[in-house]
């Protein structure tokens, strides 16, 4: 059977990879380690790859696009209605493939490294501002008390 779409449920160490044919039938749905993922995807040149949009999907998305694959990053709320049965990695991978096969499914582009760096800088700044406020607010109340002469 020919695989027409590969869906990946991303995780920390072991991913779940689901391949489906044109009719939407599951050809394979198996766990694979992080090290072997690129080798598996390379066996299917030009096949679209679908994942849920998350922080790790940006890295993998850039990697797959460099290898010439079409990437479909689907927001998690759009995948959830397609999960059949209990929530587990196997069902999640198949739900991603079901969602990706929908003609009007909304997909997002992976973030570039520059966008990721900019987001990181904004988060660092937000943390510094929050830390400064946590330090300043108690001392500010002391200054108010001093000014009133209480």
Protein backbone atom coordinates (compact mmCIF):
# COMPACT_ATOMS: atom_id res chain seq x y z
CA UNK A 1 0.00 0.00 0.00
CA UNK A 2 1.15 3.50 -0.78
CA UNK A 3 1.42 6.06 1.99
CA UNK A 4 -0.07 9.43 1.06
CA UNK A 5 0.23 11.22 4.43
CA UNK A 6 2.37 10.82 7.54
CA UNK A 7 1.07 12.07 10.88
CA UNK A 8 3.35 12.38 13.89
CA UNK A 9 2.37 12.72 17.54
CA UNK A 10 5.42 14.47 19.00
CA UNK A 11 6.71 13.65 22.49
CA UNK A 12 9.96 13.85 24.44
CA UNK A 13 11.70 10.63 23.46
CA UNK A 14 9.35 8.30 21.60
CA UNK A 15 7.13 9.64 18.83
CA UNK A 16 4.09 7.94 17.33
CA UNK A 17 4.12 7.86 13.52
CA UNK A 18 0.98 7.04 11.55
CA UNK A 19 0.97 6.56 7.79
CA UNK A 20 -2.31 6.54 5.87
CA UNK A 21 -3.17 5.87 2.22
CA UNK A 22 -5.42 7.93 -0.09
CA UNK A 23 -8.57 6.32 1.29
CA UNK A 24 -7.60 7.23 4.87
CA UNK A 25 -6.81 3.66 5.88
CA UNK A 26 -4.02 3.20 8.37
CA UNK A 27 -0.96 1.64 6.72
CA UNK A 28 1.21 1.78 9.82
CA UNK A 29 1.01 3.31 13.28
CA UNK A 30 4.09 2.62 15.33
CA UNK A 31 6.32 4.21 17.95
CA UNK A 32 9.72 5.44 16.86
CA UNK A 33 12.64 6.98 18.71
CA UNK A 34 13.79 10.55 18.19
CA UNK A 35 17.02 9.35 16.54
CA UNK A 36 15.24 7.24 13.91
CA UNK A 37 12.50 9.72 12.95
CA UNK A 38 14.36 11.55 10.18
CA UNK A 39 15.48 8.25 8.64
CA UNK A 40 11.89 7.00 8.56
CA UNK A 41 10.54 10.21 7.02
CA UNK A 42 13.34 10.15 4.42
CA UNK A 43 11.97 6.80 3.17
CA UNK A 44 8.86 8.64 1.96
CA UNK A 45 10.09 11.55 -0.19
CA UNK A 46 7.59 14.26 -1.03
CA UNK A 47 4.86 12.90 1.26
CA UNK A 48 3.05 15.54 3.37
CA UNK A 49 3.88 15.41 7.08
CA UNK A 50 1.30 16.54 9.65
CA UNK A 51 1.82 17.30 13.34
CA UNK A 52 0.06 19.20 16.08
CA UNK A 53 1.36 22.75 16.42
CA UNK A 54 3.52 22.97 19.55
CA UNK A 55 6.97 24.24 20.49
CA UNK A 56 8.74 21.09 19.28
CA UNK A 57 6.86 21.04 16.00
CA UNK A 58 8.62 24.21 14.86
CA UNK A 59 12.02 22.50 14.95
CA UNK A 60 10.76 19.32 13.30
CA UNK A 61 8.78 21.31 10.77
CA UNK A 62 11.87 23.21 9.61
CA UNK A 63 13.76 19.91 9.39
CA UNK A 64 11.07 18.24 7.26
CA UNK A 65 10.71 21.28 5.00
CA UNK A 66 14.45 21.23 4.34
CA UNK A 67 14.04 17.61 3.23
CA UNK A 68 11.36 18.67 0.74
CA UNK A 69 8.20 17.61 2.57
CA UNK A 70 5.01 19.63 2.70
CA UNK A 71 4.33 20.45 6.34
CA UNK A 72 0.90 20.66 7.96
CA UNK A 73 0.98 22.10 11.48
CA UNK A 74 -2.51 21.79 12.91
CA UNK A 75 -3.55 23.64 16.08
CA UNK A 76 -4.45 21.18 18.87
CA UNK A 77 -8.08 22.38 19.24
CA UNK A 78 -8.66 21.41 15.60
CA UNK A 79 -7.30 17.89 16.17
CA UNK A 80 -9.24 17.10 19.35
CA UNK A 81 -12.62 16.39 17.66
CA UNK A 82 -11.01 13.60 15.61
CA UNK A 83 -9.68 11.57 18.57
CA UNK A 84 -11.57 8.28 18.72
CA UNK A 85 -11.72 6.39 21.98
CA UNK A 86 -9.35 7.04 24.85
CA UNK A 87 -6.64 9.65 24.51
CA UNK A 88 -3.36 7.89 23.88
CA UNK A 89 -0.47 8.35 21.45
CA UNK A 90 -1.82 5.87 18.90
CA UNK A 91 -5.24 7.52 18.74
CA UNK A 92 -3.68 10.99 18.72
CA UNK A 93 -1.48 10.16 15.71
CA UNK A 94 -4.46 8.81 13.78
CA UNK A 95 -6.54 11.87 14.76
CA UNK A 96 -3.82 14.14 13.37
CA UNK A 97 -3.96 12.24 10.07
CA UNK A 98 -7.78 12.52 10.01
CA UNK A 99 -7.64 16.26 10.66
CA UNK A 100 -4.92 16.81 8.05
CA UNK A 101 -7.00 15.10 5.36
CA UNK A 102 -9.85 17.63 5.75
CA UNK A 103 -9.89 20.00 2.77
CA UNK A 104 -10.47 23.24 4.70
CA UNK A 105 -8.36 22.47 7.75
CA UNK A 106 -6.49 25.51 9.02
CA UNK A 107 -2.74 24.96 9.23
CA UNK A 108 0.00 27.23 10.51
CA UNK A 109 3.57 27.75 9.32
CA UNK A 110 6.50 26.78 11.54
CA UNK A 111 8.30 29.64 13.23
CA UNK A 112 11.66 30.63 11.84
CA UNK A 113 14.70 30.72 14.10
CA UNK A 114 14.51 34.54 14.12
CA UNK A 115 10.88 34.43 15.30
CA UNK A 116 11.76 31.91 17.99
CA UNK A 117 14.65 34.11 19.16
CA UNK A 118 12.37 37.17 19.30
CA UNK A 119 9.79 35.27 21.37
CA UNK A 120 12.58 34.19 23.74
CA UNK A 121 13.74 37.79 24.18
CA UNK A 122 10.17 38.92 24.95
CA UNK A 123 9.77 36.18 27.57
CA UNK A 124 13.07 37.10 29.22
CA UNK A 125 12.01 40.75 29.35
CA UNK A 126 8.60 39.84 30.83
CA UNK A 127 10.29 37.80 33.57
CA UNK A 128 12.67 40.64 34.42
CA UNK A 129 9.81 43.14 34.62
CA UNK A 130 7.83 40.75 36.84
CA UNK A 131 10.85 40.22 39.11
CA UNK A 132 11.42 43.97 39.37
CA UNK A 133 7.77 44.53 40.31
CA UNK A 134 7.95 41.82 42.97
CA UNK A 135 10.93 43.59 44.50
CA UNK A 136 9.60 47.17 44.15
CA UNK A 137 6.05 46.76 45.43
CA UNK A 138 6.87 45.91 49.07
CA UNK A 139 9.49 48.67 49.26
CA UNK A 140 7.07 51.13 47.65
CA UNK A 141 4.56 50.59 50.46
CA UNK A 142 7.32 51.35 52.97
CA UNK A 143 8.08 54.62 51.16
CA UNK A 144 4.41 55.61 51.34
CA UNK A 145 4.37 54.97 55.07
CA UNK A 146 7.52 57.09 55.52
CA UNK A 147 6.06 59.99 53.53
CA UNK A 148 2.84 60.02 55.58
CA UNK A 149 4.80 59.94 58.80
CA UNK A 150 2.96 57.01 60.30
